[in-house]
Each structure stands twice: as structure tokens, then as C-alpha cells.
Amino acid sequence: MNIGLFTETYYPEINGVANSVYMLKTELEEIGHNVYVFTTTTPGAPEFEHNVFRVPSLPCILITERRVGLFYQPKLASLIKN
């Protein structure tokens, strides 16, 4: 099965949501699913991650450790559609 996970927080960020999405991706892949994560750019993130697509983001004004993604990207929209 092809599964898409959309989140504004993902590894290497350290918080409950980021950890949960990372573990969910890992476990679903282990049982044979194709998992695609769509998330924001994060300082310190690996340059390449299998099936992880990062969209440009900006720091949140109110909560500086959070980032807000600019999620509409034509290339990613095409990939998701396919």
C-alpha cells in the first residue's frame, strides 16, 4: 500500500509528533508498505532521506522552535497525484 504522511514536524526535531511519525514510517515500511513523508525543511536534517520530501518553511513567529511550511509545491503536487 502507498501511504502519505503529512506533518510540519519530523526527524531530526525532538518532540512527540516527530517521533511518532518517524516510528510509524519505520514500522509501516518494515511490513512492506511504501511510506512517503511530506514535511518542512528543518535545520540539521539529512540532505537525502528515502521517501521524505521537505518543502520550504519559515520559523514560526510565536513559537521559534516550530516551522511553518509553504506546502503548495507544483512538483510535489504532481508526485502526490501520481
PDB file of N, CA and C in Angstrom:
ATOM      1  N   MET A   1       0.845  -1.166   0.000  1.00  0.00           N
ATOM      2  CA  MET A   1       0.000   0.000   0.000  1.00  0.00           C
ATOM      3  C   MET A   1       0.897   1.238   0.000  1.00  0.00           C
ATOM      4  N   ASN A   2       0.496   2.280  -0.700  1.00  0.00           N
ATOM      5  CA  ASN A   2       1.189   3.566  -0.674  1.00  0.00           C
ATOM      6  C   ASN A   2       0.531   4.446   0.375  1.00  0.00           C
ATOM      7  N   ILE A   3       1.351   4.971   1.284  1.00  0.00           N
ATOM      8  CA  ILE A   3       0.839   5.769   2.395  1.00  0.00           C
ATOM      9  C   ILE A   3       1.576   7.099   2.424  1.00  0.00           C
ATOM     10  N   GLY A   4       0.835   8.207   2.502  1.00  0.00           N
ATOM     11  CA  GLY A   4       1.424   9.532   2.622  1.00  0.00           C
ATOM     12  C   GLY A   4       1.186  10.088   4.011  1.00  0.00           C
ATOM     13  N   LEU A   5       2.236  10.557   4.640  1.00  0.00           N
ATOM     14  CA  LEU A   5       2.146  11.198   5.951  1.00  0.00           C
ATOM     15  C   LEU A   5       2.526  12.664   5.785  1.00  0.00           C
ATOM     16  N   PHE A   6       1.651  13.560   6.199  1.00  0.00           N
ATOM     17  CA  PHE A   6       1.874  14.994   6.060  1.00  0.00           C
ATOM     18  C   PHE A   6       2.013  15.596   7.453  1.00  0.00           C
ATOM     19  N   THR A   7       3.157  16.236   7.708  1.00  0.00           N
ATOM     20  CA  THR A   7       3.410  16.770   9.041  1.00  0.00           C
ATOM     21  C   THR A   7       4.320  17.988   8.971  1.00  0.00           C
ATOM     22  N   GLU A   8       4.150  18.905   9.896  1.00  0.00           N
ATOM     23  CA  GLU A   8       5.034  20.069   9.954  1.00  0.00           C
ATOM     24  C   GLU A   8       6.164  19.863  10.955  1.00  0.00           C
ATOM     25  N   THR A   9       6.256  18.692  11.526  1.00  0.00           N
ATOM     26  CA  THR A   9       7.356  18.383  12.434  1.00  0.00           C
ATOM     27  C   THR A   9       7.777  16.935  12.214  1.00  0.00           C
ATOM     28  N   TYR A  10       9.068  16.734  11.974  1.00  0.00           N
ATOM     29  CA  TYR A  10       9.595  15.405  11.663  1.00  0.00           C
ATOM     30  C   TYR A  10      11.061  15.364  12.048  1.00  0.00           C
ATOM     31  N   TYR A  11      11.590  14.172  12.144  1.00  0.00           N
ATOM     32  CA  TYR A  11      13.008  13.956  12.465  1.00  0.00           C
ATOM     33  C   TYR A  11      13.874  14.900  11.632  1.00  0.00           C
ATOM     34  N   PRO A  12      14.865  15.551  12.182  1.00  0.00           N
ATOM     35  CA  PRO A  12      15.535  15.357  13.464  1.00  0.00           C
ATOM     36  C   PRO A  12      14.971  16.187  14.609  1.00  0.00           C
ATOM     37  N   GLU A  13      13.814  16.820  14.421  1.00  0.00           N
ATOM     38  CA  GLU A  13      13.208  17.522  15.552  1.00  0.00           C
ATOM     39  C   GLU A  13      12.893  16.509  16.647  1.00  0.00           C
ATOM     40  N   ILE A  14      12.932  16.967  17.882  1.00  0.00           N
ATOM     41  CA  ILE A  14      12.681  16.075  19.005  1.00  0.00           C
ATOM     42  C   ILE A  14      11.408  16.527  19.704  1.00  0.00           C
ATOM     43  N   ASN A  15      10.333  15.805  19.437  1.00  0.00           N
ATOM     44  CA  ASN A  15       9.060  16.035  20.114  1.00  0.00           C
ATOM     45  C   ASN A  15       8.174  14.827  19.852  1.00  0.00           C
ATOM     46  N   GLY A  16       7.061  14.757  20.507  1.00  0.00           N
ATOM     47  CA  GLY A  16       6.199  13.584  20.402  1.00  0.00           C
ATOM     48  C   GLY A  16       5.672  13.320  19.004  1.00  0.00           C
ATOM     49  N   VAL A  17       5.254  14.364  18.300  1.00  0.00           N
ATOM     50  CA  VAL A  17       4.723  14.181  16.945  1.00  0.00           C
ATOM     51  C   VAL A  17       5.816  13.707  16.004  1.00  0.00           C
ATOM     52  N   ALA A  18       6.970  14.370  16.024  1.00  0.00           N
ATOM     53  CA  ALA A  18       8.075  13.987  15.146  1.00  0.00           C
ATOM     54  C   ALA A  18       8.485  12.541  15.393  1.00  0.00           C
ATOM     55  N   ASN A  19       8.607  12.155  16.649  1.00  0.00           N
ATOM     56  CA  ASN A  19       8.989  10.780  16.981  1.00  0.00           C
ATOM     57  C   ASN A  19       7.925   9.783  16.538  1.00  0.00           C
ATOM     58  N   SER A  20       6.658  10.117  16.748  1.00  0.00           N
ATOM     59  CA  SER A  20       5.569   9.215  16.369  1.00  0.00           C
ATOM     60  C   SER A  20       5.506   8.999  14.861  1.00  0.00           C
ATOM     61  N   VAL A  21       5.647  10.073  14.097  1.00  0.00           N
ATOM     62  CA  VAL A  21       5.611   9.949  12.636  1.00  0.00           C
ATOM     63  C   VAL A  21       6.812   9.143  12.145  1.00  0.00           C
ATOM     64  N   TYR A  22       7.982   9.395  12.710  1.00  0.00           N
ATOM     65  CA  TYR A  22       9.187   8.644  12.337  1.00  0.00           C
ATOM     66  C   TYR A  22       9.015   7.149  12.628  1.00  0.00           C
ATOM     67  N   MET A  23       8.509   6.825  13.818  1.00  0.00           N
ATOM     68  CA  MET A  23       8.307   5.411  14.178  1.00  0.00           C
ATOM     69  C   MET A  23       7.226   4.772  13.311  1.00  0.00           C
ATOM     70  N   LEU A  24       6.149   5.505  13.023  1.00  0.00           N
ATOM     71  CA  LEU A  24       5.089   4.981  12.174  1.00  0.00           C
ATOM     72  C   LEU A  24       5.632   4.666  10.785  1.00  0.00           C
ATOM     73  N   LYS A  25       6.403   5.578  10.205  1.00  0.00           N
ATOM     74  CA  LYS A  25       7.010   5.344   8.894  1.00  0.00           C
ATOM     75  C   LYS A  25       7.883   4.084   8.916  1.00  0.00           C
ATOM     76  N   THR A  26       8.739   3.994   9.920  1.00  0.00           N
ATOM     77  CA  THR A  26       9.656   2.855  10.034  1.00  0.00           C
ATOM     78  C   THR A  26       8.902   1.531  10.148  1.00  0.00           C
ATOM     79  N   GLU A  27       7.908   1.482  11.008  1.00  0.00           N
ATOM     80  CA  GLU A  27       7.155   0.240  11.224  1.00  0.00           C
ATOM     81  C   GLU A  27       6.329  -0.149   9.995  1.00  0.00           C
ATOM     82  N   LEU A  28       5.711   0.817   9.345  1.00  0.00           N
ATOM     83  CA  LEU A  28       4.930   0.501   8.144  1.00  0.00           C
ATOM     84  C   LEU A  28       5.832  -0.006   7.015  1.00  0.00           C
ATOM     85  N   GLU A  29       7.031   0.568   6.896  1.00  0.00           N
ATOM     86  CA  GLU A  29       7.982   0.095   5.878  1.00  0.00           C
ATOM     87  C   GLU A  29       8.453  -1.321   6.180  1.00  0.00           C
ATOM     88  N   GLU A  30       8.639  -1.620   7.445  1.00  0.00           N
ATOM     89  CA  GLU A  30       9.091  -2.961   7.823  1.00  0.00           C
ATOM     90  C   GLU A  30       8.091  -4.045   7.436  1.00  0.00           C
ATOM     91  N   ILE A  31       6.804  -3.700   7.384  1.00  0.00           N
ATOM     92  CA  ILE A  31       5.820  -4.715   6.998  1.00  0.00           C
ATOM     93  C   ILE A  31       5.451  -4.623   5.509  1.00  0.00           C
ATOM     94  N   GLY A  32       6.250  -3.830   4.761  1.00  0.00           N
ATOM     95  CA  GLY A  32       6.131  -3.861   3.316  1.00  0.00           C
ATOM     96  C   GLY A  32       5.404  -2.726   2.626  1.00  0.00           C
ATOM     97  N   HIS A  33       4.990  -1.703   3.359  1.00  0.00           N
ATOM     98  CA  HIS A  33       4.286  -0.583   2.729  1.00  0.00           C
ATOM     99  C   HIS A  33       5.278   0.443   2.184  1.00  0.00           C
ATOM    100  N   ASN A  34       4.855   1.198   1.178  1.00  0.00           N
ATOM    101  CA  ASN A  34       5.623   2.333   0.676  1.00  0.00           C
ATOM    102  C   ASN A  34       5.112   3.561   1.407  1.00  0.00           C
ATOM    103  N   VAL A  35       5.976   4.200   2.194  1.00  0.00           N
ATOM    104  CA  VAL A  35       5.561   5.336   3.014  1.00  0.00           C
ATOM    105  C   VAL A  35       6.307   6.579   2.553  1.00  0.00           C
ATOM    106  N   TYR A  36       5.555   7.645   2.313  1.00  0.00           N
ATOM    107  CA  TYR A  36       6.103   8.906   1.869  1.00  0.00           C
ATOM    108  C   TYR A  36       5.770   9.963   2.920  1.00  0.00           C
ATOM    109  N   VAL A  37       6.791  10.686   3.362  1.00  0.00           N
ATOM    110  CA  VAL A  37       6.590  11.735   4.361  1.00  0.00           C
ATOM    111  C   VAL A  37       6.775  13.086   3.668  1.00  0.00           C
ATOM    112  N   PHE A  38       5.793  13.952   3.853  1.00  0.00           N
ATOM    113  CA  PHE A  38       5.853  15.312   3.327  1.00  0.00           C
ATOM    114  C   PHE A  38       5.914  16.234   4.531  1.00  0.00           C
ATOM    115  N   THR A  39       7.015  16.972   4.636  1.00  0.00           N
ATOM    116  CA  THR A  39       7.258  17.772   5.830  1.00  0.00           C
ATOM    117  C   THR A  39       7.993  19.048   5.465  1.00  0.00           C
ATOM    118  N   THR A  40       8.379  19.796   6.465  1.00  0.00           N
ATOM    119  CA  THR A  40       9.066  21.065   6.259  1.00  0.00           C
ATOM    120  C   THR A  40      10.579  20.892   6.309  1.00  0.00           C
ATOM    121  N   THR A  41      11.284  21.879   5.754  1.00  0.00           N
ATOM    122  CA  THR A  41      12.735  21.886   5.913  1.00  0.00           C
ATOM    123  C   THR A  41      13.036  22.111   7.390  1.00  0.00           C
ATOM    124  N   THR A  42      14.094  21.488   7.832  1.00  0.00           N
ATOM    125  CA  THR A  42      14.489  21.591   9.238  1.00  0.00           C
ATOM    126  C   THR A  42      16.000  21.738   9.294  1.00  0.00           C
ATOM    127  N   PRO A  43      16.505  22.762   9.983  1.00  0.00           N
ATOM    128  CA  PRO A  43      17.959  22.868  10.125  1.00  0.00           C
ATOM    129  C   PRO A  43      18.529  21.583  10.731  1.00  0.00           C
ATOM    130  N   GLY A  44      19.586  21.076  10.147  1.00  0.00           N
ATOM    131  CA  GLY A  44      20.222  19.869  10.653  1.00  0.00           C
ATOM    132  C   GLY A  44      19.659  18.575  10.098  1.00  0.00           C
ATOM    133  N   ALA A  45      18.640  18.653   9.239  1.00  0.00           N
ATOM    134  CA  ALA A  45      18.055  17.441   8.651  1.00  0.00           C
ATOM    135  C   ALA A  45      19.014  16.877   7.607  1.00  0.00           C
ATOM    136  N   PRO A  46      19.021  15.554   7.448  1.00  0.00           N
ATOM    137  CA  PRO A  46      19.859  14.952   6.406  1.00  0.00           C
ATOM    138  C   PRO A  46      19.492  15.511   5.032  1.00  0.00           C
ATOM    139  N   GLU A  47      20.482  15.599   4.149  1.00  0.00           N
ATOM    140  CA  GLU A  47      20.220  16.132   2.819  1.00  0.00           C
ATOM    141  C   GLU A  47      19.330  15.204   2.002  1.00  0.00           C
ATOM    142  N   PHE A  48      19.486  13.890   2.169  1.00  0.00           N
ATOM    143  CA  PHE A  48      18.635  12.935   1.466  1.00  0.00           C
ATOM    144  C   PHE A  48      18.091  11.921   2.456  1.00  0.00           C
ATOM    145  N   GLU A  49      16.792  11.690   2.384  1.00  0.00           N
ATOM    146  CA  GLU A  49      16.142  10.653   3.178  1.00  0.00           C
ATOM    147  C   GLU A  49      15.202   9.908   2.243  1.00  0.00           C
ATOM    148  N   HIS A  50      15.185   8.602   2.331  1.00  0.00           N
ATOM    149  CA  HIS A  50      14.340   7.790   1.458  1.00  0.00           C
ATOM    150  C   HIS A  50      12.871   8.141   1.650  1.00  0.00           C
ATOM    151  N   ASN A  51      12.220   8.576   0.562  1.00  0.00           N
ATOM    152  CA  ASN A  51      10.788   8.893   0.537  1.00  0.00           C
ATOM    153  C   ASN A  51      10.369   9.993   1.512  1.00  0.00           C
ATOM    154  N   VAL A  52      11.297  10.898   1.828  1.00  0.00           N
ATOM    155  CA  VAL A  52      10.960  12.058   2.649  1.00  0.00           C
ATOM    156  C   VAL A  52      11.141  13.290   1.771  1.00  0.00           C
ATOM    157  N   PHE A  53      10.082  14.076   1.660  1.00  0.00           N
ATOM    158  CA  PHE A  53      10.096  15.260   0.820  1.00  0.00           C
ATOM    159  C   PHE A  53       9.880  16.472   1.707  1.00  0.00           C
ATOM    160  N   ARG A  54      10.831  17.388   1.645  1.00  0.00           N
ATOM    161  CA  ARG A  54      10.774  18.573   2.502  1.00  0.00           C
ATOM    162  C   ARG A  54      10.452  19.803   1.664  1.00  0.00           C
ATOM    163  N   VAL A  55       9.485  20.562   2.131  1.00  0.00           N
ATOM    164  CA  VAL A  55       9.103  21.795   1.453  1.00  0.00           C
ATOM    165  C   VAL A  55       9.683  22.982   2.214  1.00  0.00           C
ATOM    166  N   PRO A  56       9.894  24.103   1.524  1.00  0.00           N
ATOM    167  CA  PRO A  56      10.438  25.276   2.207  1.00  0.00           C
ATOM    168  C   PRO A  56       9.569  25.659   3.409  1.00  0.00           C
ATOM    169  N   SER A  57      10.227  26.179   4.432  1.00  0.00           N
ATOM    170  CA  SER A  57       9.494  26.592   5.630  1.00  0.00           C
ATOM    171  C   SER A  57      10.145  27.814   6.241  1.00  0.00           C
ATOM    172  N   LEU A  58       9.386  28.452   7.094  1.00  0.00           N
ATOM    173  CA  LEU A  58       9.857  29.635   7.817  1.00  0.00           C
ATOM    174  C   LEU A  58       9.672  29.403   9.305  1.00  0.00           C
ATOM    175  N   PRO A  59      10.532  29.999  10.142  1.00  0.00           N
ATOM    176  CA  PRO A  59      10.317  29.881  11.583  1.00  0.00           C
ATOM    177  C   PRO A  59       8.988  30.532  11.964  1.00  0.00           C
ATOM    178  N   CYS A  60       8.315  29.923  12.891  1.00  0.00           N
ATOM    179  CA  CYS A  60       7.050  30.476  13.407  1.00  0.00           C
ATOM    180  C   CYS A  60       7.365  31.683  14.280  1.00  0.00           C
ATOM    181  N   ILE A  61       6.615  32.736  14.133  1.00  0.00           N
ATOM    182  CA  ILE A  61       6.877  33.968  14.897  1.00  0.00           C
ATOM    183  C   ILE A  61       6.618  33.766  16.388  1.00  0.00           C
ATOM    184  N   LEU A  62       5.563  33.050  16.729  1.00  0.00           N
ATOM    185  CA  LEU A  62       5.182  32.900  18.134  1.00  0.00           C
ATOM    186  C   LEU A  62       5.949  31.810  18.859  1.00  0.00           C
ATOM    187  N   ILE A  63       6.263  30.728  18.153  1.00  0.00           N
ATOM    188  CA  ILE A  63       6.964  29.595  18.772  1.00  0.00           C
ATOM    189  C   ILE A  63       8.203  29.336  17.929  1.00  0.00           C
ATOM    190  N   THR A  64       9.334  29.851  18.336  1.00  0.00           N
ATOM    191  CA  THR A  64      10.521  29.865  17.479  1.00  0.00           C
ATOM    192  C   THR A  64      11.066  28.486  17.134  1.00  0.00           C
ATOM    193  N   GLU A  65      10.816  27.477  17.952  1.00  0.00           N
ATOM    194  CA  GLU A  65      11.329  26.146  17.632  1.00  0.00           C
ATOM    195  C   GLU A  65      10.448  25.418  16.620  1.00  0.00           C
ATOM    196  N   ARG A  66       9.339  26.006  16.232  1.00  0.00           N
ATOM    197  CA  ARG A  66       8.444  25.420  15.221  1.00  0.00           C
ATOM    198  C   ARG A  66       8.631  26.130  13.891  1.00  0.00           C
ATOM    199  N   ARG A  67       8.331  25.402  12.810  1.00  0.00           N
ATOM    200  CA  ARG A  67       8.434  25.964  11.475  1.00  0.00           C
ATOM    201  C   ARG A  67       7.095  25.827  10.772  1.00  0.00           C
ATOM    202  N   VAL A  68       6.786  26.767   9.910  1.00  0.00           N
ATOM    203  CA  VAL A  68       5.544  26.755   9.158  1.00  0.00           C
ATOM    204  C   VAL A  68       5.895  26.492   7.705  1.00  0.00           C
ATOM    205  N   GLY A  69       5.304  25.427   7.150  1.00  0.00           N
ATOM    206  CA  GLY A  69       5.624  25.034   5.787  1.00  0.00           C
ATOM    207  C   GLY A  69       4.826  25.797   4.749  1.00  0.00           C
ATOM    208  N   LEU A  70       5.453  25.995   3.618  1.00  0.00           N
ATOM    209  CA  LEU A  70       4.805  26.576   2.452  1.00  0.00           C
ATOM    210  C   LEU A  70       4.471  25.397   1.557  1.00  0.00           C
ATOM    211  N   PHE A  71       3.350  24.722   1.866  1.00  0.00           N
ATOM    212  CA  PHE A  71       3.112  23.391   1.334  1.00  0.00           C
ATOM    213  C   PHE A  71       2.772  23.288  -0.143  1.00  0.00           C
ATOM    214  N   TYR A  72       2.303  24.327  -0.810  1.00  0.00           N
ATOM    215  CA  TYR A  72       1.986  24.105  -2.220  1.00  0.00           C
ATOM    216  C   TYR A  72       3.243  24.213  -3.063  1.00  0.00           C
ATOM    217  N   GLN A  73       3.671  23.091  -3.561  1.00  0.00           N
ATOM    218  CA  GLN A  73       4.821  22.998  -4.455  1.00  0.00           C
ATOM    219  C   GLN A  73       4.381  22.192  -5.671  1.00  0.00           C
ATOM    220  N   PRO A  74       4.401  22.762  -6.873  1.00  0.00           N
ATOM    221  CA  PRO A  74       3.903  22.059  -8.057  1.00  0.00           C
ATOM    222  C   PRO A  74       4.531  20.676  -8.271  1.00  0.00           C
ATOM    223  N   LYS A  75       5.843  20.537  -8.058  1.00  0.00           N
ATOM    224  CA  LYS A  75       6.491  19.229  -8.253  1.00  0.00           C
ATOM    225  C   LYS A  75       5.946  18.195  -7.269  1.00  0.00           C
ATOM    226  N   LEU A  76       5.779  18.593  -6.009  1.00  0.00           N
ATOM    227  CA  LEU A  76       5.241  17.661  -5.024  1.00  0.00           C
ATOM    228  C   LEU A  76       3.771  17.354  -5.287  1.00  0.00           C
ATOM    229  N   ALA A  77       3.025  18.347  -5.729  1.00  0.00           N
ATOM    230  CA  ALA A  77       1.608  18.106  -6.057  1.00  0.00           C
ATOM    231  C   ALA A  77       1.502  17.067  -7.162  1.00  0.00           C
ATOM    232  N   SER A  78       2.373  17.128  -8.144  1.00  0.00           N
ATOM    233  CA  SER A  78       2.385  16.152  -9.227  1.00  0.00           C
ATOM    234  C   SER A  78       2.766  14.768  -8.713  1.00  0.00           C
ATOM    235  N   LEU A  79       3.786  14.714  -7.843  1.00  0.00           N
ATOM    236  CA  LEU A  79       4.211  13.432  -7.258  1.00  0.00           C
ATOM    237  C   LEU A  79       3.088  12.808  -6.449  1.00  0.00           C
ATOM    238  N   ILE A  80       2.406  13.605  -5.642  1.00  0.00           N
ATOM    239  CA  ILE A  80       1.310  13.086  -4.816  1.00  0.00           C
ATOM    240  C   ILE A  80       0.179  12.576  -5.698  1.00  0.00           C
ATOM    241  N   LYS A  81      -0.131  13.317  -6.749  1.00  0.00           N
ATOM    242  CA  LYS A  81      -1.205  12.912  -7.652  1.00  0.00           C
ATOM    243  C   LYS A  81      -0.902  11.573  -8.315  1.00  0.00           C
ATOM    244  N   ASN A  82       0.353  11.384  -8.716  1.00  0.00           N
ATOM    245  CA  ASN A  82       0.757  10.132  -9.363  1.00  0.00           C
ATOM    246  C   ASN A  82       0.786   8.986  -8.374  1.00  0.00           C
TER     247      ASN A  82
END
